[in-house]
Amino acid sequence: MTPKNCQTAAAVAAFAAIVLAGMLRSSPLVKATDDDDDDRNESTIRRGFEIAPVPLNLTEKSALVD
């Protein structure tokens, strides 16, 4: 490897490291949320069925009820 190629490879590696560090620094932290918002979940599901209704055939199907 010639000195010029070595310098180019080092510059590309340094640039990649800087970009990666910036991406990791600016990424938002993940926050777990409680799923106590049942009304919002139901309205989201209801809205989804309004947008793309799916016919359900539940004849002769057993369902587990809590």
PDB file of N, CA and C in Angstrom:
ATOM      1  N   MET A   1       0.848  -1.165   0.000  1.00  0.00           N
ATOM      2  CA  MET A   1       0.000   0.000   0.000  1.00  0.00           C
ATOM      3  C   MET A   1       0.898   1.232   0.000  1.00  0.00           C
ATOM      4  N   THR A   2       0.620   2.151  -0.880  1.00  0.00           N
ATOM      5  CA  THR A   2       1.446   3.347  -0.973  1.00  0.00           C
ATOM      6  C   THR A   2       1.051   4.313   0.139  1.00  0.00           C
ATOM      7  N   PRO A   3       1.952   5.222   0.484  1.00  0.00           N
ATOM      8  CA  PRO A   3       1.628   6.187   1.541  1.00  0.00           C
ATOM      9  C   PRO A   3       0.367   7.010   1.232  1.00  0.00           C
ATOM     10  N   LYS A   4       0.149   7.328  -0.044  1.00  0.00           N
ATOM     11  CA  LYS A   4      -1.031   8.117  -0.397  1.00  0.00           C
ATOM     12  C   LYS A   4      -2.315   7.303  -0.164  1.00  0.00           C
ATOM     13  N   ASN A   5      -2.293   6.021  -0.537  1.00  0.00           N
ATOM     14  CA  ASN A   5      -3.454   5.155  -0.301  1.00  0.00           C
ATOM     15  C   ASN A   5      -3.703   4.963   1.186  1.00  0.00           C
ATOM     16  N   CYS A   6      -2.625   4.884   1.954  1.00  0.00           N
ATOM     17  CA  CYS A   6      -2.738   4.721   3.399  1.00  0.00           C
ATOM     18  C   CYS A   6      -3.373   5.968   4.026  1.00  0.00           C
ATOM     19  N   GLN A   7      -2.977   7.151   3.549  1.00  0.00           N
ATOM     20  CA  GLN A   7      -3.555   8.394   4.049  1.00  0.00           C
ATOM     21  C   GLN A   7      -5.034   8.487   3.685  1.00  0.00           C
ATOM     22  N   THR A   8      -5.365   8.075   2.481  1.00  0.00           N
ATOM     23  CA  THR A   8      -6.759   8.111   2.052  1.00  0.00           C
ATOM     24  C   THR A   8      -7.600   7.163   2.896  1.00  0.00           C
ATOM     25  N   ALA A   9      -7.092   5.964   3.139  1.00  0.00           N
ATOM     26  CA  ALA A   9      -7.823   4.991   3.953  1.00  0.00           C
ATOM     27  C   ALA A   9      -7.993   5.506   5.376  1.00  0.00           C
ATOM     28  N   ALA A  10      -6.970   6.138   5.922  1.00  0.00           N
ATOM     29  CA  ALA A  10      -7.055   6.692   7.275  1.00  0.00           C
ATOM     30  C   ALA A  10      -8.074   7.827   7.330  1.00  0.00           C
ATOM     31  N   ALA A  11      -8.104   8.662   6.297  1.00  0.00           N
ATOM     32  CA  ALA A  11      -9.060   9.770   6.264  1.00  0.00           C
ATOM     33  C   ALA A  11     -10.495   9.247   6.169  1.00  0.00           C
ATOM     34  N   VAL A  12     -10.712   8.226   5.342  1.00  0.00           N
ATOM     35  CA  VAL A  12     -12.049   7.648   5.211  1.00  0.00           C
ATOM     36  C   VAL A  12     -12.472   7.001   6.523  1.00  0.00           C
ATOM     37  N   ALA A  13     -11.573   6.296   7.184  1.00  0.00           N
ATOM     38  CA  ALA A  13     -11.879   5.659   8.463  1.00  0.00           C
ATOM     39  C   ALA A  13     -12.198   6.699   9.530  1.00  0.00           C
ATOM     40  N   ALA A  14     -11.440   7.792   9.548  1.00  0.00           N
ATOM     41  CA  ALA A  14     -11.692   8.853  10.529  1.00  0.00           C
ATOM     42  C   ALA A  14     -13.042   9.512  10.269  1.00  0.00           C
ATOM     43  N   PHE A  15     -13.344   9.757   9.005  1.00  0.00           N
ATOM     44  CA  PHE A  15     -14.628  10.367   8.664  1.00  0.00           C
ATOM     45  C   PHE A  15     -15.777   9.440   9.062  1.00  0.00           C
ATOM     46  N   ALA A  16     -15.631   8.155   8.791  1.00  0.00           N
ATOM     47  CA  ALA A  16     -16.671   7.188   9.154  1.00  0.00           C
ATOM     48  C   ALA A  16     -16.856   7.138  10.671  1.00  0.00           C
ATOM     49  N   ALA A  17     -15.766   7.208  11.409  1.00  0.00           N
ATOM     50  CA  ALA A  17     -15.851   7.201  12.867  1.00  0.00           C
ATOM     51  C   ALA A  17     -16.564   8.447  13.387  1.00  0.00           C
ATOM     52  N   ILE A  18     -16.296   9.586  12.791  1.00  0.00           N
ATOM     53  CA  ILE A  18     -16.949  10.834  13.207  1.00  0.00           C
ATOM     54  C   ILE A  18     -18.443  10.774  12.900  1.00  0.00           C
ATOM     55  N   VAL A  19     -18.794  10.288  11.716  1.00  0.00           N
ATOM     56  CA  VAL A  19     -20.208  10.176  11.344  1.00  0.00           C
ATOM     57  C   VAL A  19     -20.923   9.204  12.279  1.00  0.00           C
ATOM     58  N   LEU A  20     -20.313   8.060  12.564  1.00  0.00           N
ATOM     59  CA  LEU A  20     -20.916   7.071  13.453  1.00  0.00           C
ATOM     60  C   LEU A  20     -21.098   7.638  14.859  1.00  0.00           C
ATOM     61  N   ALA A  21     -20.095   8.341  15.355  1.00  0.00           N
ATOM     62  CA  ALA A  21     -20.199   8.947  16.689  1.00  0.00           C
ATOM     63  C   ALA A  21     -21.318   9.980  16.728  1.00  0.00           C
ATOM     64  N   GLY A  22     -21.455  10.765  15.677  1.00  0.00           N
ATOM     65  CA  GLY A  22     -22.527  11.750  15.625  1.00  0.00           C
ATOM     66  C   GLY A  22     -23.898  11.109  15.578  1.00  0.00           C
ATOM     67  N   MET A  23     -24.019  10.019  14.833  1.00  0.00           N
ATOM     68  CA  MET A  23     -25.305   9.319  14.764  1.00  0.00           C
ATOM     69  C   MET A  23     -25.676   8.723  16.112  1.00  0.00           C
ATOM     70  N   LEU A  24     -24.724   8.124  16.794  1.00  0.00           N
ATOM     71  CA  LEU A  24     -25.009   7.520  18.093  1.00  0.00           C
ATOM     72  C   LEU A  24     -25.315   8.574  19.146  1.00  0.00           C
ATOM     73  N   ARG A  25     -24.677   9.704  19.046  1.00  0.00           N
ATOM     74  CA  ARG A  25     -24.899  10.768  20.034  1.00  0.00           C
ATOM     75  C   ARG A  25     -26.267  11.418  19.868  1.00  0.00           C
ATOM     76  N   SER A  26     -26.707  11.563  18.618  1.00  0.00           N
ATOM     77  CA  SER A  26     -27.955  12.285  18.389  1.00  0.00           C
ATOM     78  C   SER A  26     -29.180  11.370  18.364  1.00  0.00           C
ATOM     79  N   SER A  27     -28.988  10.050  18.449  1.00  0.00           N
ATOM     80  CA  SER A  27     -30.149   9.165  18.420  1.00  0.00           C
ATOM     81  C   SER A  27     -30.902   9.261  19.746  1.00  0.00           C
ATOM     82  N   PRO A  28     -32.237   9.291  19.693  1.00  0.00           N
ATOM     83  CA  PRO A  28     -33.014   9.424  20.921  1.00  0.00           C
ATOM     84  C   PRO A  28     -32.954   8.138  21.746  1.00  0.00           C
ATOM     85  N   LEU A  29     -33.071   8.306  23.033  1.00  0.00           N
ATOM     86  CA  LEU A  29     -33.083   7.154  23.916  1.00  0.00           C
ATOM     87  C   LEU A  29     -34.441   6.466  23.827  1.00  0.00           C
ATOM     88  N   VAL A  30     -34.439   5.175  23.929  1.00  0.00           N
ATOM     89  CA  VAL A  30     -35.677   4.411  23.871  1.00  0.00           C
ATOM     90  C   VAL A  30     -36.310   4.446  25.250  1.00  0.00           C
ATOM     91  N   LYS A  31     -37.602   4.707  25.274  1.00  0.00           N
ATOM     92  CA  LYS A  31     -38.305   4.786  26.540  1.00  0.00           C
ATOM     93  C   LYS A  31     -39.475   3.816  26.517  1.00  0.00           C
ATOM     94  N   ALA A  32     -39.526   2.935  27.490  1.00  0.00           N
ATOM     95  CA  ALA A  32     -40.638   1.993  27.585  1.00  0.00           C
ATOM     96  C   ALA A  32     -41.858   2.732  28.115  1.00  0.00           C
ATOM     97  N   THR A  33     -43.005   2.405  27.557  1.00  0.00           N
ATOM     98  CA  THR A  33     -44.248   3.044  28.010  1.00  0.00           C
ATOM     99  C   THR A  33     -45.198   1.981  28.522  1.00  0.00           C
ATOM    100  N   ASP A  34     -46.095   2.406  29.374  1.00  0.00           N
ATOM    101  CA  ASP A  34     -47.129   1.505  29.872  1.00  0.00           C
ATOM    102  C   ASP A  34     -48.225   1.384  28.833  1.00  0.00           C
ATOM    103  N   ASP A  35     -48.812   0.215  28.744  1.00  0.00           N
ATOM    104  CA  ASP A  35     -49.914  -0.002  27.813  1.00  0.00           C
ATOM    105  C   ASP A  35     -51.258   0.167  28.507  1.00  0.00           C
ATOM    106  N   ASP A  36     -51.355   1.155  29.392  1.00  0.00           N
ATOM    107  CA  ASP A  36     -52.602   1.404  30.103  1.00  0.00           C
ATOM    108  C   ASP A  36     -53.573   2.239  29.282  1.00  0.00           C
ATOM    109  N   ASP A  37     -53.173   2.653  28.114  1.00  0.00           N
ATOM    110  CA  ASP A  37     -53.999   3.521  27.289  1.00  0.00           C
ATOM    111  C   ASP A  37     -54.879   2.679  26.363  1.00  0.00           C
ATOM    112  N   ASP A  38     -55.812   1.911  26.981  1.00  0.00           N
ATOM    113  CA  ASP A  38     -56.649   0.994  26.206  1.00  0.00           C
ATOM    114  C   ASP A  38     -57.590   1.723  25.267  1.00  0.00           C
ATOM    115  N   ASP A  39     -58.089   2.883  25.667  1.00  0.00           N
ATOM    116  CA  ASP A  39     -59.003   3.638  24.800  1.00  0.00           C
ATOM    117  C   ASP A  39     -58.307   4.046  23.510  1.00  0.00           C
ATOM    118  N   ARG A  40     -57.074   4.466  23.620  1.00  0.00           N
ATOM    119  CA  ARG A  40     -56.332   4.873  22.438  1.00  0.00           C
ATOM    120  C   ARG A  40     -56.066   3.670  21.543  1.00  0.00           C
ATOM    121  N   ASN A  41     -55.726   2.527  22.153  1.00  0.00           N
ATOM    122  CA  ASN A  41     -55.473   1.322  21.369  1.00  0.00           C
ATOM    123  C   ASN A  41     -56.739   0.864  20.643  1.00  0.00           C
ATOM    124  N   GLU A  42     -57.874   0.903  21.338  1.00  0.00           N
ATOM    125  CA  GLU A  42     -59.132   0.498  20.709  1.00  0.00           C
ATOM    126  C   GLU A  42     -59.494   1.423  19.558  1.00  0.00           C
ATOM    127  N   SER A  43     -59.313   2.722  19.756  1.00  0.00           N
ATOM    128  CA  SER A  43     -59.657   3.650  18.683  1.00  0.00           C
ATOM    129  C   SER A  43     -58.713   3.487  17.500  1.00  0.00           C
ATOM    130  N   THR A  44     -57.458   3.146  17.766  1.00  0.00           N
ATOM    131  CA  THR A  44     -56.510   2.901  16.679  1.00  0.00           C
ATOM    132  C   THR A  44     -56.912   1.661  15.892  1.00  0.00           C
ATOM    133  N   ILE A  45     -57.305   0.612  16.587  1.00  0.00           N
ATOM    134  CA  ILE A  45     -57.741  -0.614  15.917  1.00  0.00           C
ATOM    135  C   ILE A  45     -59.017  -0.354  15.130  1.00  0.00           C
ATOM    136  N   ARG A  46     -59.948   0.360  15.743  1.00  0.00           N
ATOM    137  CA  ARG A  46     -61.204   0.677  15.057  1.00  0.00           C
ATOM    138  C   ARG A  46     -60.934   1.484  13.791  1.00  0.00           C
ATOM    139  N   ARG A  47     -60.035   2.451  13.879  1.00  0.00           N
ATOM    140  CA  ARG A  47     -59.680   3.279  12.717  1.00  0.00           C
ATOM    141  C   ARG A  47     -59.027   2.419  11.633  1.00  0.00           C
ATOM    142  N   GLY A  48     -58.207   1.467  12.036  1.00  0.00           N
ATOM    143  CA  GLY A  48     -57.579   0.584  11.066  1.00  0.00           C
ATOM    144  C   GLY A  48     -58.600  -0.241  10.305  1.00  0.00           C
ATOM    145  N   PHE A  49     -59.625  -0.741  10.991  1.00  0.00           N
ATOM    146  CA  PHE A  49     -60.666  -1.501  10.313  1.00  0.00           C
ATOM    147  C   PHE A  49     -61.528  -0.613   9.423  1.00  0.00           C
ATOM    148  N   GLU A  50     -61.658   0.667   9.780  1.00  0.00           N
ATOM    149  CA  GLU A  50     -62.389   1.592   8.908  1.00  0.00           C
ATOM    150  C   GLU A  50     -61.613   1.820   7.614  1.00  0.00           C
ATOM    151  N   ILE A  51     -60.297   1.893   7.722  1.00  0.00           N
ATOM    152  CA  ILE A  51     -59.471   2.136   6.540  1.00  0.00           C
ATOM    153  C   ILE A  51     -59.427   0.895   5.655  1.00  0.00           C
ATOM    154  N   ALA A  52     -59.172  -0.260   6.260  1.00  0.00           N
ATOM    155  CA  ALA A  52     -59.034  -1.499   5.483  1.00  0.00           C
ATOM    156  C   ALA A  52     -59.807  -2.609   6.183  1.00  0.00           C
ATOM    157  N   PRO A  53     -61.106  -2.681   5.926  1.00  0.00           N
ATOM    158  CA  PRO A  53     -61.904  -3.703   6.607  1.00  0.00           C
ATOM    159  C   PRO A  53     -61.498  -5.113   6.168  1.00  0.00           C
ATOM    160  N   VAL A  54     -61.488  -6.013   7.119  1.00  0.00           N
ATOM    161  CA  VAL A  54     -61.129  -7.398   6.854  1.00  0.00           C
ATOM    162  C   VAL A  54     -62.297  -8.266   7.293  1.00  0.00           C
ATOM    163  N   PRO A  55     -62.894  -9.015   6.370  1.00  0.00           N
ATOM    164  CA  PRO A  55     -63.992  -9.889   6.774  1.00  0.00           C
ATOM    165  C   PRO A  55     -63.462 -11.056   7.604  1.00  0.00           C
ATOM    166  N   LEU A  56     -64.105 -11.315   8.717  1.00  0.00           N
ATOM    167  CA  LEU A  56     -63.688 -12.396   9.593  1.00  0.00           C
ATOM    168  C   LEU A  56     -64.738 -13.497   9.565  1.00  0.00           C
ATOM    169  N   ASN A  57     -64.312 -14.711   9.341  1.00  0.00           N
ATOM    170  CA  ASN A  57     -65.200 -15.864   9.357  1.00  0.00           C
ATOM    171  C   ASN A  57     -64.955 -16.608  10.662  1.00  0.00           C
ATOM    172  N   LEU A  58     -65.816 -16.410  11.630  1.00  0.00           N
ATOM    173  CA  LEU A  58     -65.628 -17.009  12.955  1.00  0.00           C
ATOM    174  C   LEU A  58     -66.586 -18.161  13.211  1.00  0.00           C
ATOM    175  N   THR A  59     -67.237 -18.670  12.181  1.00  0.00           N
ATOM    176  CA  THR A  59     -68.144 -19.804  12.388  1.00  0.00           C
ATOM    177  C   THR A  59     -67.314 -21.047  12.708  1.00  0.00           C
ATOM    178  N   GLU A  60     -67.805 -21.793  13.656  1.00  0.00           N
ATOM    179  CA  GLU A  60     -67.171 -23.024  14.120  1.00  0.00           C
ATOM    180  C   GLU A  60     -65.760 -22.808  14.656  1.00  0.00           C
ATOM    181  N   LYS A  61     -65.517 -21.633  15.175  1.00  0.00           N
ATOM    182  CA  LYS A  61     -64.227 -21.334  15.802  1.00  0.00           C
ATOM    183  C   LYS A  61     -64.459 -21.172  17.294  1.00  0.00           C
ATOM    184  N   SER A  62     -63.568 -21.725  18.086  1.00  0.00           N
ATOM    185  CA  SER A  62     -63.681 -21.548  19.532  1.00  0.00           C
ATOM    186  C   SER A  62     -62.733 -20.437  19.947  1.00  0.00           C
ATOM    187  N   ALA A  63     -63.193 -19.609  20.821  1.00  0.00           N
ATOM    188  CA  ALA A  63     -62.377 -18.493  21.294  1.00  0.00           C
ATOM    189  C   ALA A  63     -62.182 -18.638  22.793  1.00  0.00           C
ATOM    190  N   LEU A  64     -60.982 -18.345  23.234  1.00  0.00           N
ATOM    191  CA  LEU A  64     -60.705 -18.347  24.659  1.00  0.00           C
ATOM    192  C   LEU A  64     -61.104 -17.014  25.233  1.00  0.00           C
ATOM    193  N   VAL A  65     -61.887 -17.040  26.278  1.00  0.00           N
ATOM    194  CA  VAL A  65     -62.362 -15.806  26.899  1.00  0.00           C
ATOM    195  C   VAL A  65     -61.737 -15.731  28.269  1.00  0.00           C
ATOM    196  N   ASP A  66     -61.135 -14.576  28.562  1.00  0.00           N
ATOM    197  CA  ASP A  66     -60.497 -14.389  29.886  1.00  0.00           C
ATOM    198  C   ASP A  66     -61.526 -14.141  30.945  1.00  0.00           C
TER     199      ASP A  66
END
